[in-house]
N, C-alpha and C. Protein backbone atom coordinates (compact mmCIF):
# COMPACT_ATOMS: atom_id res chain seq x y z
N MET A 1 111.54 142.72 -235.30
CA MET A 1 112.34 143.54 -234.42
C MET A 1 112.86 142.63 -233.30
N THR A 2 114.15 142.73 -233.01
CA THR A 2 114.74 141.90 -231.97
C THR A 2 114.33 142.41 -230.59
N ASP A 3 114.45 141.53 -229.60
CA ASP A 3 114.10 141.92 -228.24
C ASP A 3 114.95 143.08 -227.74
N SER A 4 116.24 143.08 -228.06
CA SER A 4 117.12 144.15 -227.59
C SER A 4 116.76 145.48 -228.25
N LYS A 5 116.40 145.44 -229.53
CA LYS A 5 115.96 146.66 -230.24
C LYS A 5 114.65 147.17 -229.64
N MET A 6 113.73 146.23 -229.34
CA MET A 6 112.45 146.59 -228.74
C MET A 6 112.68 147.22 -227.36
N ASP A 7 113.58 146.63 -226.58
CA ASP A 7 113.90 147.16 -225.25
C ASP A 7 114.51 148.56 -225.35
N ALA A 8 115.42 148.76 -226.30
CA ALA A 8 116.05 150.07 -226.48
C ALA A 8 115.01 151.11 -226.89
N ASN A 9 114.11 150.74 -227.79
CA ASN A 9 113.06 151.66 -228.23
C ASN A 9 112.14 152.01 -227.06
N SER A 10 111.75 151.01 -226.28
CA SER A 10 110.87 151.25 -225.13
C SER A 10 111.55 152.15 -224.10
N LEU A 11 112.83 151.94 -223.88
CA LEU A 11 113.57 152.79 -222.93
C LEU A 11 113.63 154.23 -223.42
N LEU A 12 113.85 154.42 -224.72
CA LEU A 12 113.87 155.78 -225.28
C LEU A 12 112.51 156.45 -225.09
N ILE A 13 111.44 155.74 -225.35
CA ILE A 13 110.10 156.32 -225.20
C ILE A 13 109.83 156.64 -223.73
N GLU A 14 110.29 155.81 -222.82
CA GLU A 14 110.12 156.11 -221.39
C GLU A 14 110.94 157.35 -220.99
N ARG A 15 112.15 157.50 -221.56
CA ARG A 15 112.94 158.72 -221.30
C ARG A 15 112.22 159.94 -221.84
N PHE A 16 111.64 159.81 -223.04
CA PHE A 16 110.88 160.90 -223.65
C PHE A 16 109.72 161.32 -222.75
N LYS A 17 108.95 160.35 -222.28
CA LYS A 17 107.80 160.66 -221.42
C LYS A 17 108.25 161.28 -220.10
N ALA A 18 109.32 160.79 -219.52
CA ALA A 18 109.84 161.37 -218.27
C ALA A 18 110.33 162.80 -218.49
N PHE A 19 110.92 163.05 -219.66
CA PHE A 19 111.43 164.37 -220.02
C PHE A 19 110.32 165.42 -219.93
N TYR A 20 109.12 165.06 -220.37
CA TYR A 20 108.00 166.01 -220.41
C TYR A 20 107.00 165.85 -219.27
N GLN A 21 107.19 164.91 -218.40
CA GLN A 21 106.20 164.61 -217.35
C GLN A 21 105.72 165.87 -216.63
N ASP A 22 106.65 166.70 -216.17
CA ASP A 22 106.33 167.92 -215.44
C ASP A 22 106.45 169.11 -216.40
N VAL A 23 105.32 169.68 -216.78
CA VAL A 23 105.31 170.77 -217.77
C VAL A 23 106.05 172.00 -217.26
N LYS A 24 105.96 172.27 -215.98
CA LYS A 24 106.63 173.43 -215.39
C LYS A 24 108.15 173.24 -215.33
N HIS A 25 108.57 171.99 -215.11
CA HIS A 25 110.00 171.69 -214.96
C HIS A 25 110.42 170.52 -215.85
N PRO A 26 110.39 170.71 -217.18
CA PRO A 26 110.84 169.61 -218.04
C PRO A 26 112.33 169.33 -217.76
N GLN A 27 112.76 168.12 -218.02
CA GLN A 27 114.14 167.72 -217.72
C GLN A 27 115.09 168.21 -218.82
N LEU A 28 115.21 169.53 -218.96
CA LEU A 28 115.97 170.12 -220.06
C LEU A 28 117.44 169.72 -220.03
N ASP A 29 117.97 169.39 -218.85
CA ASP A 29 119.37 168.96 -218.76
C ASP A 29 119.59 167.60 -219.43
N LYS A 30 118.50 166.89 -219.74
CA LYS A 30 118.59 165.57 -220.36
C LYS A 30 118.18 165.59 -221.84
N ILE A 31 118.12 166.77 -222.42
CA ILE A 31 117.65 166.89 -223.81
C ILE A 31 118.51 166.06 -224.76
N ASP A 32 119.83 165.99 -224.50
CA ASP A 32 120.72 165.23 -225.38
C ASP A 32 120.53 163.72 -225.25
N ASP A 33 119.92 163.27 -224.16
CA ASP A 33 119.63 161.84 -224.00
C ASP A 33 118.39 161.43 -224.79
N VAL A 34 117.58 162.41 -225.18
CA VAL A 34 116.31 162.14 -225.85
C VAL A 34 116.37 162.49 -227.33
N TYR A 35 116.96 163.65 -227.66
CA TYR A 35 116.90 164.18 -229.02
C TYR A 35 118.27 164.23 -229.69
N THR A 36 118.25 164.12 -231.04
CA THR A 36 119.46 164.36 -231.82
C THR A 36 119.72 165.86 -231.88
N ASP A 37 120.94 166.24 -232.23
CA ASP A 37 121.29 167.66 -232.32
C ASP A 37 120.46 168.39 -233.37
N ASP A 38 120.04 167.67 -234.43
CA ASP A 38 119.32 168.30 -235.53
C ASP A 38 117.83 167.93 -235.54
N VAL A 39 117.26 167.67 -234.36
CA VAL A 39 115.86 167.27 -234.25
C VAL A 39 114.95 168.27 -234.97
N TRP A 40 113.90 167.74 -235.59
CA TRP A 40 112.87 168.55 -236.24
C TRP A 40 111.64 168.45 -235.36
N PHE A 41 111.19 169.59 -234.83
CA PHE A 41 110.05 169.65 -233.91
C PHE A 41 108.94 170.46 -234.54
N LYS A 42 107.70 169.92 -234.44
CA LYS A 42 106.53 170.63 -234.96
C LYS A 42 105.39 170.51 -233.97
N ASP A 43 104.66 171.60 -233.80
CA ASP A 43 103.38 171.58 -233.10
C ASP A 43 102.49 172.61 -233.79
N PRO A 44 101.24 172.79 -233.36
CA PRO A 44 100.36 173.73 -234.08
C PRO A 44 100.84 175.19 -234.05
N VAL A 45 101.80 175.50 -233.20
CA VAL A 45 102.26 176.88 -233.07
C VAL A 45 103.65 177.10 -233.67
N HIS A 46 104.52 176.12 -233.56
CA HIS A 46 105.92 176.28 -233.96
C HIS A 46 106.40 175.13 -234.83
N GLU A 47 107.42 175.44 -235.61
CA GLU A 47 108.19 174.42 -236.30
C GLU A 47 109.63 174.88 -236.22
N LEU A 48 110.48 174.03 -235.67
CA LEU A 48 111.87 174.43 -235.51
C LEU A 48 112.78 173.23 -235.67
N ARG A 49 114.05 173.53 -235.91
CA ARG A 49 115.05 172.48 -236.10
C ARG A 49 116.23 172.73 -235.18
N GLY A 50 116.65 171.66 -234.52
CA GLY A 50 117.83 171.72 -233.67
C GLY A 50 117.49 171.64 -232.19
N ALA A 51 118.31 170.88 -231.46
CA ALA A 51 118.10 170.70 -230.03
C ALA A 51 118.25 172.02 -229.26
N GLU A 52 119.14 172.89 -229.72
CA GLU A 52 119.31 174.19 -229.05
C GLU A 52 118.05 175.03 -229.15
N LYS A 53 117.44 175.06 -230.33
CA LYS A 53 116.20 175.83 -230.51
C LYS A 53 115.05 175.20 -229.73
N LEU A 54 114.99 173.88 -229.71
CA LEU A 54 113.96 173.20 -228.93
C LEU A 54 114.14 173.50 -227.44
N HIS A 55 115.37 173.48 -226.97
CA HIS A 55 115.67 173.81 -225.57
C HIS A 55 115.19 175.23 -225.24
N ALA A 56 115.51 176.18 -226.11
CA ALA A 56 115.09 177.57 -225.89
C ALA A 56 113.57 177.70 -225.88
N TYR A 57 112.90 177.03 -226.81
CA TYR A 57 111.44 177.06 -226.88
C TYR A 57 110.82 176.50 -225.61
N LEU A 58 111.29 175.35 -225.16
CA LEU A 58 110.74 174.73 -223.96
C LEU A 58 111.03 175.55 -222.72
N SER A 59 112.22 176.14 -222.65
CA SER A 59 112.58 177.00 -221.51
C SER A 59 111.64 178.19 -221.41
N ALA A 60 111.38 178.84 -222.55
CA ALA A 60 110.48 180.00 -222.56
C ALA A 60 109.05 179.59 -222.22
N MET A 61 108.62 178.44 -222.72
CA MET A 61 107.26 178.00 -222.49
C MET A 61 107.01 177.69 -221.02
N CYS A 62 107.92 177.02 -220.37
CA CYS A 62 107.67 176.58 -218.99
C CYS A 62 107.76 177.72 -217.99
N VAL A 63 108.41 178.83 -218.33
CA VAL A 63 108.51 179.97 -217.43
C VAL A 63 107.13 180.54 -217.11
N ASN A 64 106.24 180.56 -218.10
CA ASN A 64 104.94 181.20 -217.95
C ASN A 64 103.86 180.29 -217.37
N VAL A 65 104.12 179.00 -217.27
CA VAL A 65 103.13 178.06 -216.78
C VAL A 65 103.21 178.00 -215.24
N HIS A 66 102.04 178.05 -214.58
CA HIS A 66 102.02 177.92 -213.12
C HIS A 66 102.32 176.50 -212.70
N SER A 67 101.67 175.55 -213.37
CA SER A 67 101.88 174.14 -213.07
C SER A 67 101.38 173.33 -214.26
N GLY A 68 101.81 172.09 -214.33
CA GLY A 68 101.33 171.25 -215.41
C GLY A 68 101.97 169.88 -215.39
N ARG A 69 101.24 168.94 -215.98
CA ARG A 69 101.76 167.58 -216.08
C ARG A 69 101.13 166.89 -217.27
N PHE A 70 101.83 165.89 -217.76
CA PHE A 70 101.29 165.04 -218.81
C PHE A 70 100.78 163.76 -218.20
N GLU A 71 99.64 163.32 -218.69
CA GLU A 71 99.06 162.03 -218.34
C GLU A 71 99.12 161.21 -219.64
N TYR A 72 99.92 160.16 -219.64
CA TYR A 72 100.09 159.35 -220.84
C TYR A 72 99.02 158.27 -220.86
N LEU A 73 98.28 158.18 -221.96
CA LEU A 73 97.11 157.32 -222.05
C LEU A 73 97.37 156.02 -222.81
N ASP A 74 98.14 156.11 -223.87
CA ASP A 74 98.34 154.94 -224.72
C ASP A 74 99.55 155.20 -225.60
N GLN A 75 100.14 154.13 -226.13
CA GLN A 75 101.26 154.31 -227.05
C GLN A 75 101.39 153.09 -227.95
N VAL A 76 101.93 153.34 -229.13
CA VAL A 76 102.28 152.29 -230.07
C VAL A 76 103.72 152.57 -230.48
N VAL A 77 104.58 151.58 -230.30
CA VAL A 77 106.00 151.74 -230.61
C VAL A 77 106.40 150.68 -231.63
N SER A 78 107.04 151.13 -232.72
CA SER A 78 107.54 150.19 -233.73
C SER A 78 109.06 150.33 -233.84
N ASP A 79 109.62 149.87 -234.96
CA ASP A 79 111.07 149.90 -235.15
C ASP A 79 111.68 151.29 -234.97
N ASN A 80 111.06 152.29 -235.56
CA ASN A 80 111.65 153.63 -235.49
C ASN A 80 110.62 154.75 -235.33
N THR A 81 109.39 154.39 -234.97
CA THR A 81 108.32 155.38 -234.82
C THR A 81 107.48 155.02 -233.60
N ALA A 82 107.01 156.05 -232.91
CA ALA A 82 106.07 155.84 -231.80
C ALA A 82 104.99 156.90 -231.87
N TYR A 83 103.78 156.50 -231.45
CA TYR A 83 102.65 157.41 -231.30
C TYR A 83 102.23 157.32 -229.84
N ILE A 84 102.18 158.47 -229.19
CA ILE A 84 101.87 158.51 -227.76
C ILE A 84 100.68 159.44 -227.55
N LYS A 85 99.60 158.90 -227.04
CA LYS A 85 98.39 159.69 -226.77
C LYS A 85 98.47 160.20 -225.34
N TRP A 86 98.10 161.48 -225.15
CA TRP A 86 98.26 162.08 -223.83
C TRP A 86 97.18 163.12 -223.55
N ASN A 87 97.04 163.43 -222.26
CA ASN A 87 96.33 164.61 -221.78
C ASN A 87 97.36 165.50 -221.12
N MET A 88 97.34 166.78 -221.45
CA MET A 88 98.19 167.75 -220.75
C MET A 88 97.27 168.55 -219.84
N HIS A 89 97.59 168.57 -218.56
CA HIS A 89 96.85 169.34 -217.57
C HIS A 89 97.76 170.48 -217.14
N PHE A 90 97.29 171.73 -217.22
CA PHE A 90 98.15 172.85 -216.85
C PHE A 90 97.34 174.06 -216.40
N LYS A 91 98.03 174.94 -215.67
CA LYS A 91 97.47 176.24 -215.29
C LYS A 91 98.39 177.32 -215.84
N HIS A 92 97.79 178.31 -216.47
CA HIS A 92 98.55 179.43 -217.03
C HIS A 92 97.90 180.72 -216.54
N PRO A 93 98.68 181.67 -216.02
CA PRO A 93 98.10 182.88 -215.44
C PRO A 93 97.26 183.70 -216.42
N LYS A 94 97.59 183.67 -217.69
CA LYS A 94 96.84 184.45 -218.67
C LYS A 94 95.55 183.76 -219.12
N LEU A 95 95.35 182.51 -218.68
CA LEU A 95 94.16 181.77 -219.07
C LEU A 95 93.27 181.45 -217.87
N GLY A 96 93.40 182.25 -216.82
CA GLY A 96 92.58 182.03 -215.63
C GLY A 96 93.30 181.15 -214.62
N ASN A 97 92.64 180.87 -213.54
CA ASN A 97 93.28 180.12 -212.46
C ASN A 97 92.79 178.68 -212.38
N LYS A 98 92.21 178.18 -213.46
CA LYS A 98 91.71 176.81 -213.44
C LYS A 98 92.64 175.91 -214.24
N THR A 99 92.55 174.62 -213.95
CA THR A 99 93.34 173.65 -214.69
C THR A 99 92.67 173.39 -216.04
N ILE A 100 93.46 173.48 -217.09
CA ILE A 100 93.01 173.24 -218.45
C ILE A 100 93.56 171.89 -218.88
N THR A 101 92.73 171.10 -219.52
CA THR A 101 93.16 169.79 -220.01
C THR A 101 93.02 169.77 -221.53
N VAL A 102 94.09 169.38 -222.19
CA VAL A 102 94.13 169.29 -223.64
C VAL A 102 94.57 167.88 -224.03
N ARG A 103 93.84 167.25 -224.93
CA ARG A 103 94.19 165.92 -225.43
C ARG A 103 95.03 166.08 -226.68
N GLY A 104 96.06 165.25 -226.81
CA GLY A 104 96.90 165.30 -227.99
C GLY A 104 97.62 164.00 -228.24
N VAL A 105 98.37 163.99 -229.34
CA VAL A 105 99.17 162.84 -229.73
C VAL A 105 100.54 163.34 -230.18
N SER A 106 101.57 162.64 -229.74
CA SER A 106 102.92 162.92 -230.22
C SER A 106 103.34 161.79 -231.14
N GLN A 107 103.88 162.16 -232.29
CA GLN A 107 104.52 161.19 -233.17
C GLN A 107 106.01 161.47 -233.10
N VAL A 108 106.79 160.45 -232.78
CA VAL A 108 108.23 160.61 -232.77
C VAL A 108 108.86 159.56 -233.67
N GLN A 109 109.93 159.95 -234.34
CA GLN A 109 110.71 159.03 -235.14
C GLN A 109 112.12 159.05 -234.58
N PHE A 110 112.77 157.89 -234.57
CA PHE A 110 114.05 157.79 -233.87
C PHE A 110 114.93 156.69 -234.44
N ASN A 111 116.19 156.81 -234.14
CA ASN A 111 117.16 155.73 -234.24
C ASN A 111 117.53 155.43 -232.80
N GLU A 112 118.70 155.88 -232.35
CA GLU A 112 119.01 155.75 -230.92
C GLU A 112 118.36 156.89 -230.13
N ARG A 113 118.16 158.03 -230.80
CA ARG A 113 117.50 159.20 -230.21
C ARG A 113 116.47 159.73 -231.19
N ILE A 114 115.62 160.61 -230.71
CA ILE A 114 114.52 161.15 -231.52
C ILE A 114 115.05 162.23 -232.47
N TYR A 115 114.74 162.06 -233.76
CA TYR A 115 115.14 163.06 -234.76
C TYR A 115 113.94 163.79 -235.34
N TYR A 116 112.71 163.34 -235.04
CA TYR A 116 111.50 164.01 -235.50
C TYR A 116 110.45 163.89 -234.40
N HIS A 117 109.83 165.02 -234.06
CA HIS A 117 108.80 165.06 -233.01
C HIS A 117 107.70 166.01 -233.47
N GLU A 118 106.49 165.46 -233.61
CA GLU A 118 105.34 166.29 -233.98
C GLU A 118 104.23 166.08 -232.96
N ASP A 119 103.76 167.18 -232.39
CA ASP A 119 102.61 167.15 -231.49
C ASP A 119 101.38 167.63 -232.24
N VAL A 120 100.29 166.88 -232.10
CA VAL A 120 99.02 167.24 -232.72
C VAL A 120 98.00 167.42 -231.60
N TYR A 121 97.38 168.61 -231.56
CA TYR A 121 96.34 168.90 -230.58
C TYR A 121 95.50 170.05 -231.09
N ASP A 122 94.37 170.28 -230.45
CA ASP A 122 93.44 171.33 -230.82
C ASP A 122 93.89 172.65 -230.18
N LEU A 123 94.39 173.56 -230.99
CA LEU A 123 94.87 174.84 -230.49
C LEU A 123 93.74 175.65 -229.85
N GLY A 124 92.52 175.49 -230.38
CA GLY A 124 91.37 176.17 -229.79
C GLY A 124 91.13 175.69 -228.37
N GLU A 125 91.24 174.39 -228.17
CA GLU A 125 91.06 173.81 -226.84
C GLU A 125 92.16 174.28 -225.89
N LEU A 126 93.36 174.45 -226.43
CA LEU A 126 94.50 174.87 -225.61
C LEU A 126 94.41 176.34 -225.22
N ILE A 127 94.09 177.19 -226.17
CA ILE A 127 94.17 178.63 -225.91
C ILE A 127 92.85 179.36 -226.14
N TYR A 128 92.36 179.33 -227.36
CA TYR A 128 91.27 180.22 -227.77
C TYR A 128 90.01 180.08 -226.92
N GLU A 129 89.69 178.87 -226.49
CA GLU A 129 88.47 178.67 -225.71
C GLU A 129 88.56 179.29 -224.31
N HIS A 130 89.75 179.70 -223.90
CA HIS A 130 89.94 180.20 -222.54
C HIS A 130 90.19 181.71 -222.49
N VAL A 131 90.12 182.36 -223.65
CA VAL A 131 90.27 183.81 -223.73
C VAL A 131 88.88 184.44 -223.61
N PRO A 132 88.70 185.41 -222.70
CA PRO A 132 87.38 186.04 -222.57
C PRO A 132 86.86 186.54 -223.93
N LEU A 133 85.58 186.45 -224.14
CA LEU A 133 84.86 186.80 -225.36
C LEU A 133 85.18 185.86 -226.52
N LEU A 134 86.44 185.73 -226.86
CA LEU A 134 86.84 184.84 -227.95
C LEU A 134 86.47 183.40 -227.61
N GLY A 135 86.62 183.01 -226.36
CA GLY A 135 86.30 181.65 -225.93
C GLY A 135 84.84 181.31 -226.21
N ALA A 136 83.94 182.23 -225.91
CA ALA A 136 82.52 181.99 -226.14
C ALA A 136 82.23 181.82 -227.64
N VAL A 137 82.91 182.60 -228.46
CA VAL A 137 82.73 182.51 -229.91
C VAL A 137 83.23 181.15 -230.43
N VAL A 138 84.42 180.75 -230.00
CA VAL A 138 84.99 179.47 -230.45
C VAL A 138 84.11 178.31 -230.01
N LYS A 139 83.67 178.32 -228.76
CA LYS A 139 82.80 177.25 -228.25
C LYS A 139 81.48 177.22 -229.01
N GLY A 140 80.93 178.40 -229.32
CA GLY A 140 79.68 178.48 -230.08
C GLY A 140 79.85 177.93 -231.49
N LEU A 141 80.96 178.25 -232.13
CA LEU A 141 81.24 177.73 -233.47
C LEU A 141 81.36 176.20 -233.46
N LYS A 142 82.04 175.67 -232.45
CA LYS A 142 82.19 174.22 -232.34
C LYS A 142 80.82 173.55 -232.21
N LYS A 143 79.95 174.14 -231.40
CA LYS A 143 78.61 173.57 -231.22
C LYS A 143 77.83 173.60 -232.53
N ARG A 144 77.91 174.69 -233.25
CA ARG A 144 77.18 174.83 -234.51
C ARG A 144 77.70 173.84 -235.55
N LEU A 145 79.00 173.63 -235.59
CA LEU A 145 79.58 172.70 -236.54
C LEU A 145 79.27 171.26 -236.21
N ALA A 146 79.02 170.98 -234.94
CA ALA A 146 78.74 169.60 -234.50
C ALA A 146 77.32 169.16 -234.85
N LEU A 147 76.44 170.11 -235.18
CA LEU A 147 75.05 169.76 -235.49
C LEU A 147 74.90 169.16 -236.86
């Protein structure tokens, strides 16, 4: 990989991370600087195609969050793929008034912009463990499986 290609890839990944830095206020006005029009997005809850649908999904998601931020831990960037390990810290009114931290990894594939984005994280850690009654059951199951 040439130095200029490496620099362009690194800049794209930095734009991607800045785009999501603030969970409550993602930089949705810069979506076209990060993603292709036909981006394929996947996470444990949704799978969608297109920058317009991704914009709508992110807009709806951030409305309900009280606050949140991503803490980027590590990354590996190659010619057209990157893996970014992160912690997401957020507060959501339906999940209590405490900060919840979820560890995950994003895989992105790109040319000049990202055309594939998949987030991998534990949905139980994100939601189920923080719902009254259900949370105790999920945490109990995790403990039993760990033995």
